[in-house]
Amino acid sequence: MPRIIPIIELKNTSEISDLCHKTNEPIYVTKNGYGDMVIMSIENYESTLKKLEMYQDIAISEYQIDLGETKDAKIAIQEMRKKHGL
């Protein structure tokens, strides 16, 4: 379940940092009752970026399939693993 806090609670930086690392989820910060920003640990942020890059690669691949631009699966998997450090 996402954690939502008012912006005033950002004064407790150590507590917020601990919460980000403990829950491994983003914390949503509100200002005047409305969503204002999101805070997360660097590890969670980097993991999220990797997932987004992978989804983008999948979307590009689907587009290339539609255009008939395909290549051998073994080569494609090797390239993807190399790109993502797997």
C-alpha atoms as a PDB file:
ATOM      1  CA  MET A   1       0.000   0.000   0.000  1.00  0.00           C
ATOM      2  CA  PRO A   2       1.486   3.373  -0.958  1.00  0.00           C
ATOM      3  CA  ARG A   3       2.516   5.697   1.827  1.00  0.00           C
ATOM      4  CA  ILE A   4       1.207   9.267   1.565  1.00  0.00           C
ATOM      5  CA  ILE A   5       2.593  12.036   3.754  1.00  0.00           C
ATOM      6  CA  PRO A   6       2.132  15.808   3.937  1.00  0.00           C
ATOM      7  CA  ILE A   7       5.099  17.938   2.887  1.00  0.00           C
ATOM      8  CA  ILE A   8       5.590  19.160   6.470  1.00  0.00           C
ATOM      9  CA  GLU A   9       6.834  15.677   7.411  1.00  0.00           C
ATOM     10  CA  LEU A  10       9.887  16.116   5.175  1.00  0.00           C
ATOM     11  CA  LYS A  11      11.528  17.837   8.136  1.00  0.00           C
ATOM     12  CA  ASN A  12      12.202  14.334   9.513  1.00  0.00           C
ATOM     13  CA  THR A  13      14.692  13.436   6.798  1.00  0.00           C
ATOM     14  CA  SER A  14      16.243  10.455   8.599  1.00  0.00           C
ATOM     15  CA  GLU A  15      12.845   8.913   9.258  1.00  0.00           C
ATOM     16  CA  ILE A  16      11.753   9.464   5.659  1.00  0.00           C
ATOM     17  CA  SER A  17      14.996   7.923   4.377  1.00  0.00           C
ATOM     18  CA  ASP A  18      14.540   4.883   6.640  1.00  0.00           C
ATOM     19  CA  LEU A  19      10.954   4.511   5.461  1.00  0.00           C
ATOM     20  CA  CYS A  20      12.013   4.644   1.787  1.00  0.00           C
ATOM     21  CA  HIS A  21      14.548   1.873   2.341  1.00  0.00           C
ATOM     22  CA  LYS A  22      12.316  -0.247   4.582  1.00  0.00           C
ATOM     23  CA  THR A  23       9.218  -0.274   2.411  1.00  0.00           C
ATOM     24  CA  ASN A  24      11.108  -0.336  -0.893  1.00  0.00           C
ATOM     25  CA  GLU A  25       8.222   1.670  -2.332  1.00  0.00           C
ATOM     26  CA  PRO A  26       7.851   5.314  -3.296  1.00  0.00           C
ATOM     27  CA  ILE A  27       6.431   7.772  -0.783  1.00  0.00           C
ATOM     28  CA  TYR A  28       3.873  10.209  -2.148  1.00  0.00           C
ATOM     29  CA  VAL A  29       4.127  13.733  -0.747  1.00  0.00           C
ATOM     30  CA  THR A  30       1.138  16.065  -0.677  1.00  0.00           C
ATOM     31  CA  LYS A  31       1.065  19.857  -0.517  1.00  0.00           C
ATOM     32  CA  ASN A  32      -2.136  21.600   0.487  1.00  0.00           C
ATOM     33  CA  GLY A  33      -3.950  18.274   0.150  1.00  0.00           C
ATOM     34  CA  TYR A  34      -2.822  17.589  -3.426  1.00  0.00           C
ATOM     35  CA  GLY A  35      -0.132  15.307  -4.814  1.00  0.00           C
ATOM     36  CA  ASP A  36       3.128  17.212  -5.196  1.00  0.00           C
ATOM     37  CA  MET A  37       6.078  14.803  -5.499  1.00  0.00           C
ATOM     38  CA  VAL A  38       7.325  11.270  -4.992  1.00  0.00           C
ATOM     39  CA  ILE A  39      10.349  10.161  -2.954  1.00  0.00           C
ATOM     40  CA  MET A  40      12.071   6.786  -3.255  1.00  0.00           C
ATOM     41  CA  SER A  41      15.381   5.129  -2.513  1.00  0.00           C
ATOM     42  CA  ILE A  42      18.074   5.224  -5.176  1.00  0.00           C
ATOM     43  CA  GLU A  43      17.938   1.434  -5.427  1.00  0.00           C
ATOM     44  CA  ASN A  44      14.206   1.512  -6.113  1.00  0.00           C
ATOM     45  CA  TYR A  45      14.638   4.372  -8.597  1.00  0.00           C
ATOM     46  CA  GLU A  46      17.372   2.564 -10.546  1.00  0.00           C
ATOM     47  CA  SER A  47      15.335  -0.644 -10.575  1.00  0.00           C
ATOM     48  CA  THR A  48      12.336   1.265 -11.924  1.00  0.00           C
ATOM     49  CA  LEU A  49      14.461   2.859 -14.651  1.00  0.00           C
ATOM     50  CA  LYS A  50      15.770  -0.554 -15.732  1.00  0.00           C
ATOM     51  CA  LYS A  51      12.207  -1.861 -16.003  1.00  0.00           C
ATOM     52  CA  LEU A  52      11.156   1.159 -18.069  1.00  0.00           C
ATOM     53  CA  GLU A  53      14.104   0.659 -20.414  1.00  0.00           C
ATOM     54  CA  MET A  54      13.161  -2.990 -20.833  1.00  0.00           C
ATOM     55  CA  TYR A  55       9.515  -2.099 -21.573  1.00  0.00           C
ATOM     56  CA  GLN A  56      10.723   0.454 -24.125  1.00  0.00           C
ATOM     57  CA  ASP A  57      12.880  -2.214 -25.772  1.00  0.00           C
ATOM     58  CA  ILE A  58       9.854  -4.517 -25.934  1.00  0.00           C
ATOM     59  CA  ALA A  59       7.728  -1.780 -27.527  1.00  0.00           C
ATOM     60  CA  ILE A  60      10.448  -1.104 -30.103  1.00  0.00           C
ATOM     61  CA  SER A  61      10.695  -4.835 -30.819  1.00  0.00           C
ATOM     62  CA  GLU A  62       6.946  -5.122 -31.347  1.00  0.00           C
ATOM     63  CA  TYR A  63       7.083  -2.190 -33.743  1.00  0.00           C
ATOM     64  CA  GLN A  64       9.961  -3.792 -35.651  1.00  0.00           C
ATOM     65  CA  ILE A  65       7.991  -7.047 -35.887  1.00  0.00           C
ATOM     66  CA  ASP A  66       5.063  -5.117 -37.366  1.00  0.00           C
ATOM     67  CA  LEU A  67       7.454  -3.668 -39.970  1.00  0.00           C
ATOM     68  CA  GLY A  68       8.894  -7.089 -40.701  1.00  0.00           C
ATOM     69  CA  GLU A  69      12.302  -6.088 -39.323  1.00  0.00           C
ATOM     70  CA  THR A  70      13.222  -9.200 -37.380  1.00  0.00           C
ATOM     71  CA  LYS A  71      16.461 -11.006 -36.561  1.00  0.00           C
ATOM     72  CA  ASP A  72      17.588 -14.299 -35.134  1.00  0.00           C
ATOM     73  CA  ALA A  73      16.295 -14.762 -31.559  1.00  0.00           C
ATOM     74  CA  LYS A  74      19.635 -15.926 -30.150  1.00  0.00           C
ATOM     75  CA  ILE A  75      21.381 -12.801 -31.425  1.00  0.00           C
ATOM     76  CA  ALA A  76      18.611 -10.544 -30.126  1.00  0.00           C
ATOM     77  CA  ILE A  77      18.745 -12.111 -26.646  1.00  0.00           C
ATOM     78  CA  GLN A  78      22.535 -11.772 -26.521  1.00  0.00           C
ATOM     79  CA  GLU A  79      22.276  -8.086 -27.441  1.00  0.00           C
ATOM     80  CA  MET A  80      19.563  -7.477 -24.843  1.00  0.00           C
ATOM     81  CA  ARG A  81      21.555  -9.214 -22.095  1.00  0.00           C
ATOM     82  CA  LYS A  82      24.641  -7.198 -22.982  1.00  0.00           C
ATOM     83  CA  LYS A  83      22.697  -3.933 -22.990  1.00  0.00           C
ATOM     84  CA  HIS A  84      21.112  -4.594 -19.585  1.00  0.00           C
ATOM     85  CA  GLY A  85      24.161  -6.161 -17.977  1.00  0.00           C
ATOM     86  CA  LEU A  86      22.534  -9.550 -17.447  1.00  0.00           C
END
